[in-house]
Amino acid sequence: MKKQLIALCAFAFSIVAGPAAAADWSTVTGGLDFSGEITGVIAVVGVLAGFYVVRKGARLLLSMIK
């Protein structure tokens, strides 16, 4: 029951506060040329690396709470 409540709260927060607090990265990415294959590959690798870092951090945080 506790895990379901936590999951529900996290989902509700992401729905309500996620889009409102979204960062505007247009100034950072405005100068990049996304037409090349290398840029696309680097972007995918960056997204995957970010996902795994966040996942590892979340597991570490949840293990500290538990």
C-alpha atoms as a PDB file:
ATOM      1  CA  MET A   1       0.000   0.000   0.000  1.00  0.00           C
ATOM      2  CA  LYS A   2       2.849   2.378   0.866  1.00  0.00           C
ATOM      3  CA  LYS A   3       4.574   1.847  -2.497  1.00  0.00           C
ATOM      4  CA  GLN A   4       1.333   2.468  -4.341  1.00  0.00           C
ATOM      5  CA  LEU A   5       0.779   5.699  -2.417  1.00  0.00           C
ATOM      6  CA  ILE A   6       4.316   6.872  -3.187  1.00  0.00           C
ATOM      7  CA  ALA A   7       3.883   5.996  -6.859  1.00  0.00           C
ATOM      8  CA  LEU A   8       0.572   7.858  -6.969  1.00  0.00           C
ATOM      9  CA  CYS A   9       2.093  10.942  -5.331  1.00  0.00           C
ATOM     10  CA  ALA A  10       5.048  10.915  -7.732  1.00  0.00           C
ATOM     11  CA  PHE A  11       2.709  10.559 -10.703  1.00  0.00           C
ATOM     12  CA  ALA A  12       0.486  13.392  -9.473  1.00  0.00           C
ATOM     13  CA  PHE A  13       3.518  15.636  -8.938  1.00  0.00           C
ATOM     14  CA  SER A  14       4.862  14.933 -12.407  1.00  0.00           C
ATOM     15  CA  ILE A  15       1.484  15.714 -13.971  1.00  0.00           C
ATOM     16  CA  VAL A  16       0.851  18.911 -11.996  1.00  0.00           C
ATOM     17  CA  ALA A  17       4.310  20.426 -11.469  1.00  0.00           C
ATOM     18  CA  GLY A  18       6.274  18.887 -14.320  1.00  0.00           C
ATOM     19  CA  PRO A  19       5.130  21.013 -17.249  1.00  0.00           C
ATOM     20  CA  ALA A  20       4.910  24.157 -15.109  1.00  0.00           C
ATOM     21  CA  ALA A  21       8.545  23.876 -13.985  1.00  0.00           C
ATOM     22  CA  ALA A  22       9.986  22.819 -17.341  1.00  0.00           C
ATOM     23  CA  ALA A  23      13.248  24.540 -18.263  1.00  0.00           C
ATOM     24  CA  ASP A  24      13.700  26.448 -21.499  1.00  0.00           C
ATOM     25  CA  TRP A  25      16.830  25.068 -23.185  1.00  0.00           C
ATOM     26  CA  SER A  26      16.418  26.965 -26.458  1.00  0.00           C
ATOM     27  CA  THR A  27      19.275  29.345 -25.654  1.00  0.00           C
ATOM     28  CA  VAL A  28      21.634  26.429 -24.962  1.00  0.00           C
ATOM     29  CA  THR A  29      20.666  24.313 -27.960  1.00  0.00           C
ATOM     30  CA  GLY A  30      20.075  27.173 -30.394  1.00  0.00           C
ATOM     31  CA  GLY A  31      23.631  27.174 -31.709  1.00  0.00           C
ATOM     32  CA  LEU A  32      23.846  23.409 -32.319  1.00  0.00           C
ATOM     33  CA  ASP A  33      23.342  21.839 -35.710  1.00  0.00           C
ATOM     34  CA  PHE A  34      21.191  18.715 -35.309  1.00  0.00           C
ATOM     35  CA  SER A  35      21.356  17.676 -38.952  1.00  0.00           C
ATOM     36  CA  GLY A  36      24.308  15.264 -38.670  1.00  0.00           C
ATOM     37  CA  GLU A  37      24.244  11.617 -37.694  1.00  0.00           C
ATOM     38  CA  ILE A  38      26.979  12.073 -35.102  1.00  0.00           C
ATOM     39  CA  THR A  39      24.945  14.707 -33.313  1.00  0.00           C
ATOM     40  CA  GLY A  40      21.955  12.370 -33.225  1.00  0.00           C
ATOM     41  CA  VAL A  41      24.035   9.526 -31.845  1.00  0.00           C
ATOM     42  CA  ILE A  42      25.568  11.767 -29.194  1.00  0.00           C
ATOM     43  CA  ALA A  43      22.105  13.034 -28.263  1.00  0.00           C
ATOM     44  CA  VAL A  44      20.784   9.488 -27.817  1.00  0.00           C
ATOM     45  CA  VAL A  45      23.835   8.491 -25.768  1.00  0.00           C
ATOM     46  CA  GLY A  46      23.390  11.598 -23.630  1.00  0.00           C
ATOM     47  CA  VAL A  47      19.732  10.833 -22.986  1.00  0.00           C
ATOM     48  CA  LEU A  48      20.536   7.233 -22.064  1.00  0.00           C
ATOM     49  CA  ALA A  49      23.397   8.301 -19.789  1.00  0.00           C
ATOM     50  CA  GLY A  50      21.126  10.822 -18.091  1.00  0.00           C
ATOM     51  CA  PHE A  51      18.454   8.186 -17.633  1.00  0.00           C
ATOM     52  CA  TYR A  52      20.881   5.769 -15.995  1.00  0.00           C
ATOM     53  CA  VAL A  53      22.326   8.461 -13.712  1.00  0.00           C
ATOM     54  CA  VAL A  54      18.845   9.455 -12.558  1.00  0.00           C
ATOM     55  CA  ARG A  55      17.886   5.805 -12.103  1.00  0.00           C
ATOM     56  CA  LYS A  56      21.012   5.080 -10.039  1.00  0.00           C
ATOM     57  CA  GLY A  57      20.433   8.181  -7.925  1.00  0.00           C
ATOM     58  CA  ALA A  58      16.798   7.289  -7.353  1.00  0.00           C
ATOM     59  CA  ARG A  59      17.739   3.772  -6.268  1.00  0.00           C
ATOM     60  CA  LEU A  60      20.358   5.177  -3.908  1.00  0.00           C
ATOM     61  CA  LEU A  61      17.889   7.658  -2.453  1.00  0.00           C
ATOM     62  CA  LEU A  62      15.175   5.040  -2.054  1.00  0.00           C
ATOM     63  CA  SER A  63      17.614   2.645  -0.388  1.00  0.00           C
ATOM     64  CA  MET A  64      18.502   5.398   2.099  1.00  0.00           C
ATOM     65  CA  ILE A  65      14.834   5.985   2.864  1.00  0.00           C
ATOM     66  CA  LYS A  66      14.114   2.292   3.235  1.00  0.00           C
END
